[in-house]
Amino acid sequence: MLLRAYQPDDCKALAELFFHTVHTVNARDYRPEQLNAWADGYVDLAAWDRSFRQHFTVVAVDGSGVIGFGDIDGTGYLDRLYVHAAHQREGIAAAICDLLEQHAAGTVTAHASITAKPFFEKRGYQTRKEQQVERHGVLLTNYIMEKRLQQTASR
């Protein structure tokens, strides 16, 4: 596995990985109508590309192509973190998250799905609030989670 910076040519593959991951990995915690509202297959690729280029975005690749990605903005908001269903529990999300957290200063905030909450808890994130987010008229449960980063002399 190689971790590298986002390239605009990655955008379509990231959107496809997002859709596939939501509809397979998150299916154990969300109903089909929630999965369809969350990932309806219609991603605005231009908007996603702009967002990825404005954020610090990490892409994980192997011989088969893109297997994961994550991004964080300048405020420490960890926006997206997804790993292909066939590569769960291989340390890919942790490796991506390590780089995202290194890029941040102070506090990292994530809106974690029910599925992702245990991952973030193991990394030291604290749940600040459970919330219901509306997507296409459907409510989805997620959690606002925060992690205060250790400050080092190199920052």
N, C-alpha and C. Protein backbone atom coordinates (compact mmCIF):
# COMPACT_ATOMS: atom_id res chain seq x y z
N MET A 1 0.84 -1.18 0.00
CA MET A 1 0.00 0.00 0.00
C MET A 1 0.88 1.25 0.00
N LEU A 2 0.45 2.22 -0.77
CA LEU A 2 1.13 3.51 -0.84
C LEU A 2 0.14 4.59 -0.45
N LEU A 3 0.56 5.50 0.43
CA LEU A 3 -0.24 6.67 0.76
C LEU A 3 0.36 7.84 0.01
N ARG A 4 -0.50 8.60 -0.67
CA ARG A 4 -0.02 9.74 -1.45
C ARG A 4 -1.05 10.86 -1.41
N ALA A 5 -0.62 12.01 -1.90
CA ALA A 5 -1.52 13.16 -1.98
C ALA A 5 -2.57 12.95 -3.06
N TYR A 6 -3.71 13.55 -2.86
CA TYR A 6 -4.81 13.52 -3.84
C TYR A 6 -4.37 14.15 -5.15
N GLN A 7 -4.86 13.57 -6.24
CA GLN A 7 -4.69 14.12 -7.58
C GLN A 7 -6.09 14.24 -8.19
N PRO A 8 -6.37 15.31 -8.95
CA PRO A 8 -7.71 15.48 -9.52
C PRO A 8 -8.22 14.26 -10.30
N ASP A 9 -7.33 13.50 -10.91
CA ASP A 9 -7.76 12.30 -11.64
C ASP A 9 -8.33 11.22 -10.71
N ASP A 10 -8.11 11.36 -9.39
CA ASP A 10 -8.62 10.39 -8.41
C ASP A 10 -10.11 10.56 -8.12
N CYS A 11 -10.67 11.71 -8.42
CA CYS A 11 -11.98 12.08 -7.90
C CYS A 11 -13.06 11.04 -8.21
N LYS A 12 -13.15 10.59 -9.44
CA LYS A 12 -14.20 9.63 -9.81
C LYS A 12 -14.02 8.32 -9.03
N ALA A 13 -12.80 7.85 -8.89
CA ALA A 13 -12.54 6.62 -8.14
C ALA A 13 -12.90 6.78 -6.67
N LEU A 14 -12.65 7.97 -6.10
CA LEU A 14 -13.00 8.19 -4.70
C LEU A 14 -14.52 8.20 -4.51
N ALA A 15 -15.23 8.81 -5.45
CA ALA A 15 -16.70 8.81 -5.39
C ALA A 15 -17.25 7.39 -5.48
N GLU A 16 -16.67 6.58 -6.35
CA GLU A 16 -17.12 5.19 -6.48
C GLU A 16 -16.81 4.38 -5.23
N LEU A 17 -15.61 4.59 -4.66
CA LEU A 17 -15.25 3.90 -3.42
C LEU A 17 -16.20 4.31 -2.29
N PHE A 18 -16.49 5.60 -2.19
CA PHE A 18 -17.43 6.12 -1.19
C PHE A 18 -18.78 5.40 -1.30
N PHE A 19 -19.35 5.36 -2.49
CA PHE A 19 -20.65 4.73 -2.70
C PHE A 19 -20.60 3.25 -2.30
N HIS A 20 -19.61 2.54 -2.79
CA HIS A 20 -19.49 1.11 -2.52
C HIS A 20 -19.30 0.84 -1.03
N THR A 21 -18.45 1.62 -0.38
CA THR A 21 -18.18 1.41 1.04
C THR A 21 -19.42 1.66 1.88
N VAL A 22 -20.11 2.77 1.62
CA VAL A 22 -21.33 3.06 2.37
C VAL A 22 -22.33 1.92 2.22
N HIS A 23 -22.51 1.43 1.00
CA HIS A 23 -23.55 0.42 0.75
C HIS A 23 -23.15 -1.00 1.15
N THR A 24 -21.90 -1.21 1.53
CA THR A 24 -21.49 -2.53 2.01
C THR A 24 -21.10 -2.48 3.48
N VAL A 25 -20.10 -1.70 3.83
CA VAL A 25 -19.59 -1.66 5.20
C VAL A 25 -20.63 -1.07 6.16
N ASN A 26 -21.26 0.02 5.78
CA ASN A 26 -22.21 0.68 6.68
C ASN A 26 -23.59 0.02 6.70
N ALA A 27 -23.79 -0.98 5.84
CA ALA A 27 -25.08 -1.66 5.76
C ALA A 27 -25.44 -2.39 7.05
N ARG A 28 -24.45 -2.71 7.86
CA ARG A 28 -24.76 -3.41 9.11
C ARG A 28 -25.37 -2.48 10.16
N ASP A 29 -25.22 -1.16 9.98
CA ASP A 29 -25.70 -0.21 10.98
C ASP A 29 -26.81 0.73 10.50
N TYR A 30 -27.08 0.72 9.21
CA TYR A 30 -28.08 1.64 8.64
C TYR A 30 -29.03 0.87 7.72
N ARG A 31 -30.27 1.32 7.66
CA ARG A 31 -31.28 0.70 6.80
C ARG A 31 -31.04 1.09 5.34
N PRO A 32 -31.54 0.30 4.39
CA PRO A 32 -31.33 0.59 2.96
C PRO A 32 -31.72 2.01 2.56
N GLU A 33 -32.83 2.52 3.08
CA GLU A 33 -33.23 3.88 2.69
C GLU A 33 -32.26 4.92 3.24
N GLN A 34 -31.62 4.63 4.38
CA GLN A 34 -30.61 5.53 4.92
C GLN A 34 -29.35 5.49 4.07
N LEU A 35 -28.94 4.30 3.65
CA LEU A 35 -27.76 4.16 2.79
C LEU A 35 -27.98 4.89 1.47
N ASN A 36 -29.16 4.76 0.90
CA ASN A 36 -29.47 5.43 -0.37
C ASN A 36 -29.50 6.94 -0.22
N ALA A 37 -29.94 7.43 0.93
CA ALA A 37 -29.94 8.88 1.16
C ALA A 37 -28.51 9.39 1.37
N TRP A 38 -27.69 8.62 2.05
CA TRP A 38 -26.32 9.00 2.36
C TRP A 38 -25.47 8.99 1.08
N ALA A 39 -25.59 7.94 0.32
CA ALA A 39 -24.79 7.77 -0.90
C ALA A 39 -25.75 7.36 -2.02
N ASP A 40 -26.26 8.36 -2.72
CA ASP A 40 -27.28 8.09 -3.75
C ASP A 40 -26.68 7.83 -5.13
N GLY A 41 -25.35 7.88 -5.24
CA GLY A 41 -24.70 7.62 -6.52
C GLY A 41 -24.55 8.85 -7.40
N TYR A 42 -25.01 9.98 -6.92
CA TYR A 42 -24.93 11.22 -7.71
C TYR A 42 -24.04 12.22 -6.99
N VAL A 43 -22.74 12.05 -7.11
CA VAL A 43 -21.78 12.95 -6.49
C VAL A 43 -21.45 14.07 -7.49
N ASP A 44 -21.43 15.30 -7.01
CA ASP A 44 -20.99 16.43 -7.82
C ASP A 44 -19.46 16.38 -7.85
N LEU A 45 -18.92 15.77 -8.90
CA LEU A 45 -17.47 15.55 -8.96
C LEU A 45 -16.69 16.86 -8.93
N ALA A 46 -17.20 17.91 -9.56
CA ALA A 46 -16.49 19.20 -9.54
C ALA A 46 -16.41 19.74 -8.12
N ALA A 47 -17.51 19.63 -7.37
CA ALA A 47 -17.51 20.11 -5.98
C ALA A 47 -16.59 19.26 -5.11
N TRP A 48 -16.64 17.93 -5.30
CA TRP A 48 -15.74 17.07 -4.52
C TRP A 48 -14.29 17.38 -4.86
N ASP A 49 -13.96 17.56 -6.12
CA ASP A 49 -12.59 17.87 -6.51
C ASP A 49 -12.13 19.17 -5.84
N ARG A 50 -12.97 20.20 -5.87
CA ARG A 50 -12.62 21.47 -5.22
C ARG A 50 -12.36 21.25 -3.74
N SER A 51 -13.25 20.49 -3.09
CA SER A 51 -13.11 20.21 -1.67
C SER A 51 -11.81 19.45 -1.38
N PHE A 52 -11.54 18.41 -2.14
CA PHE A 52 -10.31 17.64 -1.93
C PHE A 52 -9.07 18.50 -2.13
N ARG A 53 -9.10 19.40 -3.12
CA ARG A 53 -7.93 20.26 -3.37
C ARG A 53 -7.77 21.32 -2.30
N GLN A 54 -8.87 21.76 -1.69
CA GLN A 54 -8.80 22.77 -0.62
C GLN A 54 -8.37 22.14 0.71
N HIS A 55 -8.65 20.86 0.90
CA HIS A 55 -8.30 20.14 2.12
C HIS A 55 -6.96 19.43 1.93
N PHE A 56 -6.42 18.94 3.05
CA PHE A 56 -5.30 18.02 3.00
C PHE A 56 -5.91 16.64 2.78
N THR A 57 -5.69 16.06 1.61
CA THR A 57 -6.35 14.81 1.23
C THR A 57 -5.31 13.74 0.95
N VAL A 58 -5.52 12.58 1.57
CA VAL A 58 -4.62 11.44 1.44
C VAL A 58 -5.36 10.31 0.73
N VAL A 59 -4.68 9.68 -0.23
CA VAL A 59 -5.26 8.57 -0.98
C VAL A 59 -4.37 7.33 -0.77
N ALA A 60 -5.00 6.21 -0.47
CA ALA A 60 -4.29 4.93 -0.33
C ALA A 60 -4.50 4.14 -1.62
N VAL A 61 -3.40 3.66 -2.19
CA VAL A 61 -3.48 2.87 -3.41
C VAL A 61 -2.65 1.60 -3.25
N ASP A 62 -3.05 0.58 -4.03
CA ASP A 62 -2.24 -0.62 -4.15
C ASP A 62 -2.29 -1.02 -5.62
N GLY A 63 -1.87 -2.21 -5.94
CA GLY A 63 -1.84 -2.65 -7.33
C GLY A 63 -3.19 -2.65 -8.02
N SER A 64 -4.27 -2.71 -7.23
CA SER A 64 -5.60 -2.72 -7.82
C SER A 64 -6.21 -1.34 -7.98
N GLY A 65 -5.55 -0.32 -7.45
CA GLY A 65 -6.07 1.05 -7.56
C GLY A 65 -6.30 1.66 -6.19
N VAL A 66 -7.26 2.57 -6.12
CA VAL A 66 -7.56 3.29 -4.89
C VAL A 66 -8.26 2.34 -3.92
N ILE A 67 -7.75 2.28 -2.68
CA ILE A 67 -8.35 1.41 -1.67
C ILE A 67 -8.80 2.19 -0.43
N GLY A 68 -8.55 3.49 -0.40
CA GLY A 68 -8.99 4.29 0.73
C GLY A 68 -8.64 5.75 0.52
N PHE A 69 -9.29 6.61 1.29
CA PHE A 69 -8.98 8.04 1.24
C PHE A 69 -9.52 8.74 2.47
N GLY A 70 -8.97 9.89 2.74
CA GLY A 70 -9.44 10.73 3.83
C GLY A 70 -9.01 12.15 3.61
N ASP A 71 -9.74 13.09 4.21
CA ASP A 71 -9.36 14.50 4.07
C ASP A 71 -9.73 15.28 5.32
N ILE A 72 -8.96 16.34 5.54
CA ILE A 72 -9.16 17.21 6.70
C ILE A 72 -9.00 18.65 6.23
N ASP A 73 -9.82 19.54 6.78
CA ASP A 73 -9.71 20.94 6.36
C ASP A 73 -8.79 21.70 7.31
N GLY A 74 -8.62 22.98 7.05
CA GLY A 74 -7.69 23.81 7.82
C GLY A 74 -8.11 24.06 9.26
N THR A 75 -9.38 23.79 9.59
CA THR A 75 -9.85 23.99 10.97
C THR A 75 -9.69 22.73 11.82
N GLY A 76 -9.28 21.62 11.20
CA GLY A 76 -9.17 20.36 11.93
C GLY A 76 -10.40 19.49 11.81
N TYR A 77 -11.29 19.83 10.86
CA TYR A 77 -12.48 18.99 10.62
C TYR A 77 -12.10 17.86 9.68
N LEU A 78 -12.14 16.64 10.19
CA LEU A 78 -11.85 15.45 9.39
C LEU A 78 -13.15 15.14 8.64
N ASP A 79 -13.17 15.47 7.36
CA ASP A 79 -14.40 15.45 6.58
C ASP A 79 -14.79 14.03 6.16
N ARG A 80 -13.88 13.34 5.48
CA ARG A 80 -14.20 12.00 4.96
C ARG A 80 -13.06 11.05 5.30
N LEU A 81 -13.43 9.80 5.57
CA LEU A 81 -12.46 8.72 5.78
C LEU A 81 -13.15 7.42 5.40
N TYR A 82 -12.75 6.87 4.26
CA TYR A 82 -13.39 5.66 3.74
C TYR A 82 -12.33 4.69 3.23
N VAL A 83 -12.55 3.40 3.52
CA VAL A 83 -11.68 2.33 3.05
C VAL A 83 -12.55 1.31 2.34
N HIS A 84 -12.06 0.82 1.22
CA HIS A 84 -12.79 -0.17 0.42
C HIS A 84 -13.19 -1.36 1.28
N ALA A 85 -14.37 -1.88 1.03
CA ALA A 85 -14.91 -3.00 1.83
C ALA A 85 -13.97 -4.21 1.85
N ALA A 86 -13.26 -4.45 0.76
CA ALA A 86 -12.36 -5.60 0.68
C ALA A 86 -11.06 -5.38 1.45
N HIS A 87 -10.87 -4.17 1.98
CA HIS A 87 -9.62 -3.86 2.68
C HIS A 87 -9.85 -3.34 4.10
N GLN A 88 -10.98 -3.71 4.69
CA GLN A 88 -11.26 -3.33 6.07
C GLN A 88 -10.33 -4.09 7.01
N ARG A 89 -10.00 -3.46 8.12
CA ARG A 89 -9.20 -4.05 9.19
C ARG A 89 -7.79 -4.44 8.76
N GLU A 90 -7.25 -3.65 7.81
CA GLU A 90 -5.86 -3.86 7.37
C GLU A 90 -4.95 -2.71 7.83
N GLY A 91 -5.48 -1.79 8.62
CA GLY A 91 -4.69 -0.66 9.11
C GLY A 91 -4.67 0.53 8.16
N ILE A 92 -5.44 0.48 7.10
CA ILE A 92 -5.44 1.55 6.11
C ILE A 92 -6.06 2.82 6.68
N ALA A 93 -7.21 2.71 7.31
CA ALA A 93 -7.85 3.89 7.90
C ALA A 93 -6.95 4.52 8.96
N ALA A 94 -6.31 3.68 9.76
CA ALA A 94 -5.42 4.20 10.80
C ALA A 94 -4.23 4.94 10.18
N ALA A 95 -3.66 4.39 9.12
CA ALA A 95 -2.53 5.05 8.47
C ALA A 95 -2.94 6.39 7.86
N ILE A 96 -4.10 6.41 7.22
CA ILE A 96 -4.60 7.66 6.65
C ILE A 96 -4.86 8.67 7.77
N CYS A 97 -5.53 8.22 8.81
CA CYS A 97 -5.87 9.08 9.92
C CYS A 97 -4.62 9.63 10.61
N ASP A 98 -3.58 8.82 10.73
CA ASP A 98 -2.31 9.29 11.30
C ASP A 98 -1.80 10.51 10.53
N LEU A 99 -1.82 10.43 9.20
CA LEU A 99 -1.34 11.55 8.39
C LEU A 99 -2.25 12.76 8.51
N LEU A 100 -3.55 12.53 8.52
CA LEU A 100 -4.49 13.66 8.66
C LEU A 100 -4.29 14.36 9.99
N GLU A 101 -4.14 13.59 11.06
CA GLU A 101 -3.94 14.19 12.38
C GLU A 101 -2.60 14.92 12.46
N GLN A 102 -1.57 14.42 11.80
CA GLN A 102 -0.28 15.11 11.78
C GLN A 102 -0.38 16.46 11.09
N HIS A 103 -1.29 16.57 10.16
CA HIS A 103 -1.48 17.82 9.41
C HIS A 103 -2.25 18.86 10.23
N ALA A 104 -2.98 18.40 11.24
CA ALA A 104 -3.82 19.29 12.05
C ALA A 104 -3.06 19.79 13.27
N ALA A 105 -3.62 20.80 13.90
CA ALA A 105 -3.08 21.32 15.15
C ALA A 105 -4.24 21.55 16.10
N GLY A 106 -4.04 21.28 17.38
CA GLY A 106 -5.09 21.55 18.35
C GLY A 106 -6.07 20.40 18.48
N THR A 107 -7.26 20.57 17.92
CA THR A 107 -8.33 19.59 18.05
C THR A 107 -8.81 19.14 16.68
N VAL A 108 -9.00 17.84 16.53
CA VAL A 108 -9.59 17.28 15.31
C VAL A 108 -11.04 16.92 15.65
N THR A 109 -11.95 17.30 14.75
CA THR A 109 -13.36 16.99 14.89
C THR A 109 -13.79 16.12 13.72
N ALA A 110 -14.61 15.11 14.01
CA ALA A 110 -15.16 14.25 12.96
C ALA A 110 -16.63 14.02 13.26
N HIS A 111 -17.41 13.87 12.20
CA HIS A 111 -18.80 13.44 12.33
C HIS A 111 -18.81 11.96 11.94
N ALA A 112 -18.75 11.11 12.95
CA ALA A 112 -18.55 9.68 12.74
C ALA A 112 -19.88 8.94 12.63
N SER A 113 -19.93 8.03 11.69
CA SER A 113 -21.10 7.16 11.56
C SER A 113 -21.14 6.18 12.73
N ILE A 114 -22.26 5.50 12.86
CA ILE A 114 -22.38 4.44 13.86
C ILE A 114 -21.26 3.42 13.63
N THR A 115 -21.00 3.09 12.37
CA THR A 115 -19.98 2.11 12.01
C THR A 115 -18.59 2.57 12.40
N ALA A 116 -18.29 3.85 12.17
CA ALA A 116 -16.94 4.38 12.40
C ALA A 116 -16.67 4.78 13.85
N LYS A 117 -17.70 4.92 14.65
CA LYS A 117 -17.52 5.40 16.02
C LYS A 117 -16.51 4.58 16.81
N PRO A 118 -16.57 3.24 16.81
CA PRO A 118 -15.57 2.47 17.57
C PRO A 118 -14.13 2.71 17.09
N PHE A 119 -13.94 2.89 15.80
CA PHE A 119 -12.61 3.20 15.26
C PHE A 119 -12.07 4.49 15.88
N PHE A 120 -12.89 5.52 15.88
CA PHE A 120 -12.45 6.81 16.42
C PHE A 120 -12.25 6.73 17.93
N GLU A 121 -13.11 6.00 18.62
CA GLU A 121 -12.94 5.85 20.08
C GLU A 121 -11.59 5.21 20.39
N LYS A 122 -11.20 4.18 19.62
CA LYS A 122 -9.91 3.52 19.85
C LYS A 122 -8.73 4.48 19.62
N ARG A 123 -8.96 5.51 18.83
CA ARG A 123 -7.92 6.51 18.54
C ARG A 123 -7.93 7.65 19.55
N GLY A 124 -8.79 7.58 20.56
CA GLY A 124 -8.81 8.61 21.59
C GLY A 124 -9.81 9.73 21.36
N TYR A 125 -10.68 9.58 20.40
CA TYR A 125 -11.71 10.58 20.18
C TYR A 125 -12.81 10.42 21.22
N GLN A 126 -13.36 11.54 21.66
CA GLN A 126 -14.46 11.57 22.62
C GLN A 126 -15.74 11.99 21.91
N THR A 127 -16.84 11.34 22.24
CA THR A 127 -18.12 11.72 21.67
C THR A 127 -18.62 12.98 22.37
N ARG A 128 -18.87 14.00 21.60
CA ARG A 128 -19.39 15.26 22.13
C ARG A 128 -20.91 15.33 22.02
N LYS A 129 -21.45 14.69 20.96
CA LYS A 129 -22.89 14.78 20.75
C LYS A 129 -23.33 13.74 19.75
N GLU A 130 -24.46 13.07 20.04
CA GLU A 130 -25.12 12.24 19.04
C GLU A 130 -26.09 13.16 18.31
N GLN A 131 -26.16 13.01 16.99
CA GLN A 131 -27.07 13.87 16.24
C GLN A 131 -27.78 13.09 15.14
N GLN A 132 -28.88 13.67 14.69
CA GLN A 132 -29.64 13.15 13.56
C GLN A 132 -29.42 14.13 12.41
N VAL A 133 -28.86 13.65 11.33
CA VAL A 133 -28.59 14.47 10.15
C VAL A 133 -29.59 14.08 9.07
N GLU A 134 -30.19 15.06 8.43
CA GLU A 134 -31.16 14.77 7.38
C GLU A 134 -30.49 14.80 6.02
N ARG A 135 -30.70 13.73 5.26
CA ARG A 135 -30.23 13.64 3.87
C ARG A 135 -31.41 13.19 3.03
N HIS A 136 -31.79 14.00 2.08
CA HIS A 136 -32.90 13.65 1.18
C HIS A 136 -34.15 13.23 1.96
N GLY A 137 -34.42 13.92 3.06
CA GLY A 137 -35.61 13.64 3.84
C GLY A 137 -35.52 12.44 4.76
N VAL A 138 -34.34 11.84 4.87
CA VAL A 138 -34.14 10.65 5.71
C VAL A 138 -33.16 11.02 6.83
N LEU A 139 -33.46 10.60 8.05
CA LEU A 139 -32.58 10.89 9.18
C LEU A 139 -31.52 9.80 9.34
N LEU A 140 -30.29 10.25 9.58
CA LEU A 140 -29.15 9.37 9.81
C LEU A 140 -28.52 9.74 11.15
N THR A 141 -28.21 8.77 11.95
CA THR A 141 -27.51 9.02 13.21
C THR A 141 -26.02 9.08 12.96
N ASN A 142 -25.38 10.11 13.52
CA ASN A 142 -23.92 10.13 13.58
C ASN A 142 -23.50 10.84 14.86
N TYR A 143 -22.19 10.92 15.08
CA TYR A 143 -21.66 11.43 16.33
C TYR A 143 -20.60 12.48 16.05
N ILE A 144 -20.74 13.62 16.73
CA ILE A 144 -19.67 14.61 16.68
C ILE A 144 -18.62 14.14 17.68
N MET A 145 -17.42 13.89 17.17
CA MET A 145 -16.34 13.37 18.00
C MET A 145 -15.13 14.29 17.90
N GLU A 146 -14.39 14.41 18.99
CA GLU A 146 -13.22 15.28 19.02
C GLU A 146 -12.03 14.57 19.65
N LYS A 147 -10.86 14.98 19.18
CA LYS A 147 -9.61 14.50 19.77
C LYS A 147 -8.68 15.69 19.91
N ARG A 148 -8.22 15.92 21.11
CA ARG A 148 -7.21 16.97 21.34
C ARG A 148 -5.85 16.36 21.04
N LEU A 149 -5.14 17.02 20.15
CA LEU A 149 -3.83 16.51 19.74
C LEU A 149 -2.75 16.97 20.70
N GLN A 150 -1.76 16.12 20.87
CA GLN A 150 -0.58 16.49 21.66
C GLN A 150 0.23 17.48 20.85
N GLN A 151 0.62 18.54 21.47
CA GLN A 151 1.46 19.53 20.79
C GLN A 151 2.92 19.12 20.95
N THR A 152 3.67 19.20 19.85
CA THR A 152 5.09 18.87 19.89
C THR A 152 5.89 20.10 19.51
N ALA A 153 7.17 20.05 19.78
CA ALA A 153 8.04 21.19 19.49
C ALA A 153 8.13 21.46 17.99
N SER A 154 7.87 20.46 17.15
CA SER A 154 8.00 20.65 15.70
C SER A 154 6.81 21.38 15.09
N ARG A 155 5.74 21.55 15.84
CA ARG A 155 4.55 22.23 15.29
C ARG A 155 4.67 23.69 15.38
